[in-house]
N, C-alpha and C. Protein backbone atom coordinates (compact mmCIF):
# COMPACT_ATOMS: atom_id res chain seq x y z
N MET A 1 15.81 -1.96 -2.44
CA MET A 1 14.95 -1.19 -1.46
C MET A 1 15.02 -1.95 -0.12
N SER A 2 15.14 -0.97 0.78
CA SER A 2 15.37 -1.60 2.14
C SER A 2 14.24 -2.41 2.84
N SER A 3 14.37 -3.11 3.65
CA SER A 3 13.09 -3.92 4.37
C SER A 3 13.11 -3.50 5.92
N MET A 4 12.01 -3.95 6.49
CA MET A 4 11.91 -3.44 7.98
C MET A 4 11.46 -4.78 8.50
N ASN A 5 12.00 -5.12 9.65
CA ASN A 5 11.37 -6.37 10.59
C ASN A 5 10.07 -5.72 10.88
N HIS A 6 9.30 -6.90 10.89
CA HIS A 6 7.85 -6.68 11.42
C HIS A 6 7.58 -7.93 12.09
N SER A 7 6.54 -7.84 12.91
CA SER A 7 5.83 -8.96 13.45
C SER A 7 4.66 -9.64 12.75
N PRO A 8 4.97 -10.86 11.96
CA PRO A 8 3.94 -11.55 11.28
C PRO A 8 2.69 -11.59 12.10
N GLU A 9 2.74 -12.00 13.35
CA GLU A 9 1.68 -12.29 14.28
C GLU A 9 0.76 -11.03 14.59
N ARG A 10 1.66 -9.92 14.74
CA ARG A 10 1.03 -8.73 14.70
C ARG A 10 0.06 -8.18 13.61
N VAL A 11 0.78 -8.27 12.53
CA VAL A 11 0.02 -8.04 11.20
C VAL A 11 -1.35 -8.77 11.00
N GLN A 12 -1.13 -9.91 11.24
CA GLN A 12 -2.43 -10.88 11.14
C GLN A 12 -3.43 -10.62 12.15
N ARG A 13 -3.13 -10.23 13.40
CA ARG A 13 -3.77 -9.91 14.40
C ARG A 13 -4.70 -8.73 14.28
N ALA A 14 -3.87 -7.57 13.77
CA ALA A 14 -4.50 -6.22 13.48
C ALA A 14 -5.62 -6.35 12.11
N ARG A 15 -5.14 -7.21 11.30
CA ARG A 15 -5.97 -7.20 10.18
C ARG A 15 -7.37 -7.90 10.51
N GLU A 16 -7.09 -9.29 11.58
CA GLU A 16 -8.47 -9.72 11.80
C GLU A 16 -9.08 -8.85 12.75
N ARG A 17 -8.47 -8.06 13.47
CA ARG A 17 -9.21 -7.01 14.59
C ARG A 17 -9.96 -6.15 13.58
N ALA A 18 -9.47 -5.67 12.25
CA ALA A 18 -10.21 -4.90 11.51
C ALA A 18 -11.11 -5.55 10.73
N GLY A 19 -11.40 -6.79 10.92
CA GLY A 19 -12.44 -7.48 10.20
C GLY A 19 -12.06 -7.56 8.78
N MET A 20 -10.88 -7.59 8.16
CA MET A 20 -10.44 -7.83 6.89
C MET A 20 -9.99 -9.11 6.45
N THR A 21 -10.07 -9.60 5.16
CA THR A 21 -9.70 -10.42 4.54
C THR A 21 -8.34 -10.03 4.08
N GLN A 22 -7.30 -11.04 3.87
CA GLN A 22 -6.16 -10.85 3.14
C GLN A 22 -6.34 -10.11 1.90
N MET A 23 -7.30 -10.31 1.09
CA MET A 23 -7.44 -9.73 -0.18
C MET A 23 -7.86 -8.44 0.01
N ALA A 24 -8.87 -8.13 0.92
CA ALA A 24 -9.38 -6.66 1.17
C ALA A 24 -8.22 -5.90 1.38
N LEU A 25 -7.47 -6.36 2.23
CA LEU A 25 -6.14 -5.49 2.95
C LEU A 25 -5.18 -5.47 1.65
N ALA A 26 -5.14 -6.38 0.75
CA ALA A 26 -4.17 -6.28 -0.34
C ALA A 26 -4.68 -5.11 -1.25
N GLU A 27 -6.07 -5.12 -1.54
CA GLU A 27 -6.69 -4.40 -2.63
C GLU A 27 -6.42 -2.82 -1.98
N GLN A 28 -6.60 -2.54 -0.86
CA GLN A 28 -6.34 -0.99 0.10
C GLN A 28 -5.01 -0.71 -0.25
N VAL A 29 -4.05 -1.64 0.17
CA VAL A 29 -2.67 -1.43 0.11
C VAL A 29 -2.11 -1.12 -1.18
N GLY A 30 -2.73 -1.91 -2.14
CA GLY A 30 -2.13 -1.86 -3.56
C GLY A 30 -1.06 -2.64 -3.87
N CYS A 31 -1.30 -4.25 -3.33
CA CYS A 31 -0.64 -5.26 -3.71
C CYS A 31 -1.38 -6.56 -3.85
N GLY A 32 -0.54 -7.50 -3.95
CA GLY A 32 -1.47 -8.90 -4.31
C GLY A 32 -1.55 -9.41 -2.90
N LYS A 33 -2.47 -10.47 -2.88
CA LYS A 33 -2.98 -11.14 -1.65
C LYS A 33 -1.69 -12.00 -1.22
N SER A 34 -1.09 -12.50 -2.19
CA SER A 34 -0.01 -13.37 -1.94
C SER A 34 1.14 -12.80 -1.07
N LEU A 35 1.43 -11.38 -1.61
CA LEU A 35 2.27 -10.65 -0.57
C LEU A 35 1.87 -10.51 0.90
N ILE A 36 0.46 -10.42 1.04
CA ILE A 36 -0.05 -9.95 2.46
C ILE A 36 0.32 -11.46 2.95
N SER A 37 -0.06 -12.54 2.55
CA SER A 37 0.05 -14.04 2.81
C SER A 37 1.30 -14.18 3.21
N GLU A 38 2.43 -13.74 2.45
CA GLU A 38 4.00 -13.92 2.67
C GLU A 38 4.31 -13.08 4.04
N ILE A 39 3.87 -11.74 4.14
CA ILE A 39 4.10 -11.05 5.38
C ILE A 39 3.69 -11.56 6.48
N GLU A 40 2.46 -12.12 6.38
CA GLU A 40 1.75 -12.67 7.73
C GLU A 40 2.42 -13.82 8.00
N SER A 41 3.02 -14.83 7.04
CA SER A 41 3.79 -16.04 7.46
C SER A 41 5.18 -15.76 7.71
N GLY A 42 5.55 -14.55 7.63
CA GLY A 42 6.91 -14.10 7.90
C GLY A 42 8.00 -14.65 6.83
N THR A 43 7.64 -15.08 5.83
CA THR A 43 8.62 -15.64 4.60
C THR A 43 9.06 -14.29 3.84
N ARG A 44 8.26 -13.09 4.21
CA ARG A 44 8.73 -11.86 3.43
C ARG A 44 8.76 -10.78 4.28
N ASN A 45 9.89 -9.97 4.07
CA ASN A 45 9.72 -8.60 4.95
C ASN A 45 9.12 -7.56 4.13
N CYS A 46 8.78 -6.37 4.56
CA CYS A 46 8.17 -5.33 4.13
C CYS A 46 9.13 -4.07 4.10
N THR A 47 9.00 -3.32 2.99
CA THR A 47 9.54 -2.14 2.87
C THR A 47 8.94 -1.21 4.02
N PRO A 48 9.55 -0.26 4.53
CA PRO A 48 8.95 0.31 5.33
C PRO A 48 7.68 1.27 5.05
N ALA A 49 7.78 1.72 3.65
CA ALA A 49 6.51 2.34 3.12
C ALA A 49 5.31 1.44 3.15
N ARG A 50 5.66 0.17 2.66
CA ARG A 50 4.58 -0.79 2.65
C ARG A 50 4.00 -1.08 4.17
N LEU A 51 4.91 -1.32 5.14
CA LEU A 51 4.44 -1.36 6.32
C LEU A 51 3.68 -0.30 7.14
N GLU A 52 3.96 1.00 6.66
CA GLU A 52 3.43 2.21 7.03
C GLU A 52 2.09 2.19 6.43
N LYS A 53 1.94 1.65 4.94
CA LYS A 53 0.49 1.82 4.28
C LYS A 53 -0.29 0.67 5.00
N ILE A 54 0.36 -0.39 5.28
CA ILE A 54 -0.58 -1.41 5.92
C ILE A 54 -1.31 -0.82 7.30
N ALA A 55 -0.30 -0.30 8.13
CA ALA A 55 -0.66 0.24 9.19
C ALA A 55 -1.89 1.26 9.06
N GLN A 56 -1.58 2.03 8.12
CA GLN A 56 -2.50 3.25 7.80
C GLN A 56 -4.06 2.63 7.72
N VAL A 57 -3.91 1.69 6.68
CA VAL A 57 -5.25 0.90 6.26
C VAL A 57 -5.73 0.17 7.35
N LEU A 58 -5.12 -0.27 8.28
CA LEU A 58 -5.59 -1.16 9.49
C LEU A 58 -5.77 -0.16 10.66
N GLY A 59 -5.57 1.13 10.62
CA GLY A 59 -5.85 2.12 11.75
C GLY A 59 -4.93 1.87 12.98
N VAL A 60 -3.68 1.21 12.71
CA VAL A 60 -2.69 1.30 13.75
C VAL A 60 -1.43 1.85 13.51
N ARG A 61 -0.56 2.30 14.64
CA ARG A 61 0.55 2.67 14.19
C ARG A 61 1.43 1.75 13.77
N THR A 62 2.40 2.21 12.99
CA THR A 62 3.31 1.40 12.16
C THR A 62 4.28 0.52 13.34
N ALA A 63 4.44 1.19 14.46
CA ALA A 63 5.43 0.47 15.65
C ALA A 63 4.46 -0.68 16.05
N THR A 64 3.00 -0.79 15.95
CA THR A 64 2.44 -1.77 16.52
C THR A 64 2.61 -3.11 15.60
N LEU A 65 2.83 -2.92 14.35
CA LEU A 65 3.11 -3.96 13.24
C LEU A 65 4.66 -4.49 13.55
N ALA A 66 5.48 -3.72 14.01
CA ALA A 66 7.02 -3.88 13.89
C ALA A 66 7.43 -4.95 14.90
N SER A 67 8.46 -5.45 14.63
CA SER A 67 8.94 -6.28 15.69
C SER A 67 9.34 -5.37 16.64
N GLU A 68 9.62 -6.23 17.91
CA GLU A 68 9.78 -5.67 19.17
C GLU A 68 11.32 -4.85 19.41
N HIS A 69 12.15 -5.13 18.11
CA HIS A 69 13.46 -4.37 18.19
C HIS A 69 13.24 -3.00 17.33
N TYR A 70 12.00 -2.73 16.83
CA TYR A 70 12.02 -1.78 16.04
C TYR A 70 11.88 -0.48 16.87
N ARG A 71 12.30 0.97 16.50
CA ARG A 71 12.39 1.90 17.35
C ARG A 71 11.84 2.92 16.28
N PRO A 72 10.46 3.55 16.64
CA PRO A 72 9.89 4.54 15.52
C PRO A 72 10.59 5.62 15.26
N ARG A 73 10.44 6.27 14.31
CA ARG A 73 11.09 7.72 13.92
C ARG A 73 10.13 8.68 14.71
N ARG A 74 10.56 9.82 14.88
CA ARG A 74 9.86 10.54 15.45
C ARG A 74 8.44 11.15 15.06
N SER A 75 8.26 10.89 13.69
CA SER A 75 7.23 11.26 13.32
C SER A 75 6.02 10.29 13.39
N GLU A 76 6.61 9.18 13.80
CA GLU A 76 5.63 7.85 14.08
C GLU A 76 5.09 7.85 15.39
N GLU A 77 5.82 8.54 16.37
CA GLU A 77 5.47 8.58 17.74
C GLU A 77 4.09 9.39 17.89
N PRO A 78 3.14 9.16 18.96
CA PRO A 78 2.11 9.66 19.02
C PRO A 78 2.38 11.24 19.32
N ALA A 79 1.15 11.98 19.09
CA ALA A 79 1.60 13.38 19.33
C ALA A 79 1.17 13.97 20.62
């Protein structure tokens, strides 16, 4: 399964802005709290599908959570 470069700091910041704990985010994304912790610490990369789900739950665009080198697909760009 492919992985996607994400910005650990952006994921954590977006989660905190949404007022969510790592556990709450994990439950809504459908994974374990430890995975969210690893994603936020940068010790694990996300699959594109997982990063898209995290973005959806947090109410942000996928590109917001991605590293600065990420280029969104057309379907992720604002309408």
